[in-house]
Structures are given as C-alpha cells and as structure tokens.
Amino acid sequence: MEAQTEPIIFKEDAMVRIQLLDGSFEVNEELLPVIQHAASALELSSISGLKEVRDQDFFEIFTPLLNAHYGLK
C-alpha cells in the first residue's frame, strides 16, 4: 500500500446569499435555477426582486420546487 504524498484538495461549494424582505439565506450555487423558478412563480423577472417578498411567501413556493429538484416527496 502506497502512502499519499500529495495533498487532497477539496473544492468548496460556491454559496450565494438570497435576500428576502424579512431575512436572507445562503444556497448552493447549483440551486440558482430553482430560485429563479420560484421568483418566476412569484411573477418576478429576476432573483433580485425577492427583496420585496416575505420569507413565508417565498418558502411556500420554493420548498416544493427544492423537494422536486432533489426527488423528495
């Protein structure tokens, strides 16, 4: 068995802060299409419009989309 001589490099996931009317949260960059879909469902043209949306209203739309993205029920 050979010893590992090179360092193991782990790639950190890029996180993106999403600002809502009454708070903010961070998501993995890969979820940006899901966030955009939720914004569209809220009749917003872009993610930046979420600053005007209450977190409760956003998560009512986002949670089922997130579950579907990951194949959860």
N, C-alpha and C. Protein backbone atom coordinates (compact mmCIF):
# COMPACT_ATOMS: atom_id res chain seq x y z
N MET A 1 0.85 -1.17 0.00
CA MET A 1 0.00 0.00 0.00
C MET A 1 0.89 1.23 0.00
N GLU A 2 0.58 2.17 -0.90
CA GLU A 2 1.39 3.38 -1.01
C GLU A 2 0.80 4.49 -0.15
N ALA A 3 1.69 5.32 0.38
CA ALA A 3 1.25 6.47 1.17
C ALA A 3 0.91 7.63 0.24
N GLN A 4 -0.09 8.38 0.61
CA GLN A 4 -0.49 9.57 -0.14
C GLN A 4 0.53 10.66 0.12
N THR A 5 1.19 11.13 -0.93
CA THR A 5 2.21 12.17 -0.75
C THR A 5 1.70 13.55 -1.18
N GLU A 6 0.69 13.57 -2.02
CA GLU A 6 0.12 14.84 -2.49
C GLU A 6 -1.05 15.22 -1.59
N PRO A 7 -1.23 16.51 -1.34
CA PRO A 7 -2.38 16.91 -0.53
C PRO A 7 -3.68 16.66 -1.29
N ILE A 8 -4.70 16.33 -0.55
CA ILE A 8 -6.02 16.14 -1.13
C ILE A 8 -6.72 17.50 -1.10
N ILE A 9 -7.16 17.96 -2.25
CA ILE A 9 -7.79 19.27 -2.35
C ILE A 9 -9.29 19.08 -2.53
N PHE A 10 -10.04 19.68 -1.64
CA PHE A 10 -11.49 19.62 -1.70
C PHE A 10 -12.01 20.94 -2.27
N LYS A 11 -12.88 20.85 -3.23
CA LYS A 11 -13.48 22.05 -3.80
C LYS A 11 -14.67 22.45 -2.94
N GLU A 12 -14.64 23.69 -2.48
CA GLU A 12 -15.77 24.18 -1.70
C GLU A 12 -16.90 24.58 -2.62
N ASP A 13 -18.11 24.29 -2.18
CA ASP A 13 -19.27 24.69 -2.96
C ASP A 13 -19.42 26.21 -2.90
N ALA A 14 -19.70 26.80 -4.04
CA ALA A 14 -19.95 28.24 -4.09
C ALA A 14 -21.34 28.50 -3.53
N MET A 15 -21.40 29.38 -2.56
CA MET A 15 -22.67 29.73 -1.93
C MET A 15 -23.09 31.12 -2.37
N VAL A 16 -24.40 31.30 -2.50
CA VAL A 16 -24.97 32.57 -2.93
C VAL A 16 -25.98 33.02 -1.87
N ARG A 17 -25.88 34.29 -1.46
CA ARG A 17 -26.83 34.84 -0.48
C ARG A 17 -28.07 35.31 -1.23
N ILE A 18 -29.23 34.90 -0.74
CA ILE A 18 -30.51 35.32 -1.28
C ILE A 18 -31.17 36.23 -0.25
N GLN A 19 -31.47 37.45 -0.66
CA GLN A 19 -32.06 38.44 0.24
C GLN A 19 -33.57 38.48 0.04
N LEU A 20 -34.30 38.32 1.13
CA LEU A 20 -35.75 38.44 1.12
C LEU A 20 -36.14 39.68 1.92
N LEU A 21 -37.41 40.02 1.93
CA LEU A 21 -37.89 41.20 2.62
C LEU A 21 -37.54 41.18 4.11
N ASP A 22 -37.72 40.03 4.74
CA ASP A 22 -37.52 39.95 6.19
C ASP A 22 -36.41 38.97 6.58
N GLY A 23 -35.40 38.84 5.75
CA GLY A 23 -34.27 37.99 6.09
C GLY A 23 -33.49 37.58 4.86
N SER A 24 -32.49 36.76 5.09
CA SER A 24 -31.70 36.25 3.97
C SER A 24 -31.24 34.83 4.31
N PHE A 25 -30.80 34.13 3.30
CA PHE A 25 -30.27 32.79 3.49
C PHE A 25 -29.27 32.51 2.37
N GLU A 26 -28.46 31.49 2.54
CA GLU A 26 -27.49 31.10 1.53
C GLU A 26 -27.86 29.76 0.93
N VAL A 27 -27.65 29.65 -0.37
CA VAL A 27 -27.89 28.39 -1.06
C VAL A 27 -26.67 28.04 -1.90
N ASN A 28 -26.53 26.78 -2.19
CA ASN A 28 -25.50 26.32 -3.10
C ASN A 28 -25.79 26.91 -4.48
N GLU A 29 -24.76 27.34 -5.17
CA GLU A 29 -24.90 27.97 -6.47
C GLU A 29 -25.70 27.11 -7.46
N GLU A 30 -25.63 25.80 -7.31
CA GLU A 30 -26.35 24.91 -8.23
C GLU A 30 -27.87 25.06 -8.11
N LEU A 31 -28.34 25.67 -7.03
CA LEU A 31 -29.78 25.84 -6.84
C LEU A 31 -30.32 27.14 -7.43
N LEU A 32 -29.47 27.94 -8.07
CA LEU A 32 -29.94 29.19 -8.65
C LEU A 32 -31.07 29.01 -9.66
N PRO A 33 -31.06 27.97 -10.50
CA PRO A 33 -32.22 27.78 -11.38
C PRO A 33 -33.52 27.53 -10.61
N VAL A 34 -33.45 26.86 -9.49
CA VAL A 34 -34.64 26.61 -8.67
C VAL A 34 -35.12 27.92 -8.04
N ILE A 35 -34.16 28.74 -7.58
CA ILE A 35 -34.50 30.05 -7.02
C ILE A 35 -35.16 30.92 -8.11
N GLN A 36 -34.60 30.89 -9.31
CA GLN A 36 -35.16 31.67 -10.42
C GLN A 36 -36.57 31.18 -10.76
N HIS A 37 -36.78 29.88 -10.72
CA HIS A 37 -38.12 29.32 -10.97
C HIS A 37 -39.10 29.82 -9.92
N ALA A 38 -38.68 29.85 -8.66
CA ALA A 38 -39.54 30.36 -7.59
C ALA A 38 -39.83 31.84 -7.80
N ALA A 39 -38.82 32.60 -8.20
CA ALA A 39 -39.02 34.03 -8.47
C ALA A 39 -40.02 34.21 -9.60
N SER A 40 -39.90 33.41 -10.64
CA SER A 40 -40.83 33.49 -11.76
C SER A 40 -42.26 33.15 -11.32
N ALA A 41 -42.39 32.16 -10.45
CA ALA A 41 -43.71 31.78 -9.94
C ALA A 41 -44.33 32.92 -9.12
N LEU A 42 -43.48 33.76 -8.56
CA LEU A 42 -43.94 34.93 -7.81
C LEU A 42 -44.09 36.15 -8.72
N GLU A 43 -44.01 35.91 -10.03
CA GLU A 43 -44.15 36.94 -11.06
C GLU A 43 -43.06 38.00 -10.98
N LEU A 44 -41.85 37.57 -10.64
CA LEU A 44 -40.69 38.46 -10.61
C LEU A 44 -39.83 38.16 -11.82
N SER A 45 -39.21 39.19 -12.37
CA SER A 45 -38.38 38.99 -13.56
C SER A 45 -36.96 38.53 -13.20
N SER A 46 -36.55 38.74 -11.95
CA SER A 46 -35.20 38.31 -11.56
C SER A 46 -35.16 37.98 -10.07
N ILE A 47 -34.08 37.33 -9.68
CA ILE A 47 -33.88 36.95 -8.28
C ILE A 47 -33.78 38.19 -7.39
N SER A 48 -33.24 39.28 -7.92
CA SER A 48 -33.09 40.49 -7.11
C SER A 48 -34.44 41.02 -6.62
N GLY A 49 -35.52 40.71 -7.32
CA GLY A 49 -36.84 41.13 -6.90
C GLY A 49 -37.32 40.46 -5.63
N LEU A 50 -36.63 39.41 -5.21
CA LEU A 50 -37.03 38.70 -3.99
C LEU A 50 -36.88 39.57 -2.74
N LYS A 51 -36.16 40.69 -2.85
CA LYS A 51 -36.01 41.61 -1.71
C LYS A 51 -37.35 42.16 -1.25
N GLU A 52 -38.35 42.06 -2.11
CA GLU A 52 -39.68 42.59 -1.79
C GLU A 52 -40.65 41.49 -1.37
N VAL A 53 -40.16 40.26 -1.22
CA VAL A 53 -41.02 39.11 -0.91
C VAL A 53 -40.77 38.64 0.51
N ARG A 54 -41.85 38.42 1.26
CA ARG A 54 -41.72 37.89 2.62
C ARG A 54 -41.20 36.46 2.56
N ASP A 55 -40.41 36.09 3.56
CA ASP A 55 -39.83 34.74 3.55
C ASP A 55 -40.89 33.66 3.56
N GLN A 56 -41.99 33.87 4.28
CA GLN A 56 -43.06 32.86 4.32
C GLN A 56 -43.63 32.63 2.92
N ASP A 57 -43.86 33.71 2.18
CA ASP A 57 -44.41 33.58 0.83
C ASP A 57 -43.42 32.88 -0.10
N PHE A 58 -42.14 33.23 0.04
CA PHE A 58 -41.12 32.62 -0.80
C PHE A 58 -41.01 31.13 -0.54
N PHE A 59 -40.92 30.74 0.73
CA PHE A 59 -40.70 29.34 1.05
C PHE A 59 -41.91 28.46 0.74
N GLU A 60 -43.11 29.03 0.71
CA GLU A 60 -44.28 28.25 0.28
C GLU A 60 -44.11 27.79 -1.16
N ILE A 61 -43.48 28.61 -1.97
CA ILE A 61 -43.25 28.27 -3.39
C ILE A 61 -41.95 27.47 -3.54
N PHE A 62 -40.91 27.90 -2.86
CA PHE A 62 -39.57 27.33 -3.05
C PHE A 62 -39.46 25.91 -2.52
N THR A 63 -40.05 25.62 -1.37
CA THR A 63 -39.88 24.30 -0.74
C THR A 63 -40.32 23.15 -1.64
N PRO A 64 -41.51 23.21 -2.25
CA PRO A 64 -41.88 22.10 -3.16
C PRO A 64 -40.94 22.00 -4.37
N LEU A 65 -40.47 23.14 -4.88
CA LEU A 65 -39.53 23.12 -6.01
C LEU A 65 -38.20 22.49 -5.60
N LEU A 66 -37.74 22.82 -4.40
CA LEU A 66 -36.50 22.24 -3.89
C LEU A 66 -36.65 20.73 -3.71
N ASN A 67 -37.77 20.30 -3.14
CA ASN A 67 -38.01 18.87 -2.95
C ASN A 67 -38.04 18.14 -4.30
N ALA A 68 -38.69 18.75 -5.28
CA ALA A 68 -38.75 18.14 -6.61
C ALA A 68 -37.35 18.08 -7.23
N HIS A 69 -36.56 19.10 -7.03
CA HIS A 69 -35.19 19.14 -7.56
C HIS A 69 -34.37 17.95 -7.05
N TYR A 70 -34.55 17.64 -5.77
CA TYR A 70 -33.80 16.54 -5.16
C TYR A 70 -34.55 15.21 -5.18
N GLY A 71 -35.75 15.19 -5.77
CA GLY A 71 -36.51 13.95 -5.86
C GLY A 71 -37.11 13.50 -4.55
N LEU A 72 -37.45 14.48 -3.70
CA LEU A 72 -38.06 14.17 -2.40
C LEU A 72 -39.55 14.36 -2.47
N LYS A 73 -40.26 13.67 -1.59
CA LYS A 73 -41.73 13.80 -1.56
C LYS A 73 -42.15 14.78 -0.51
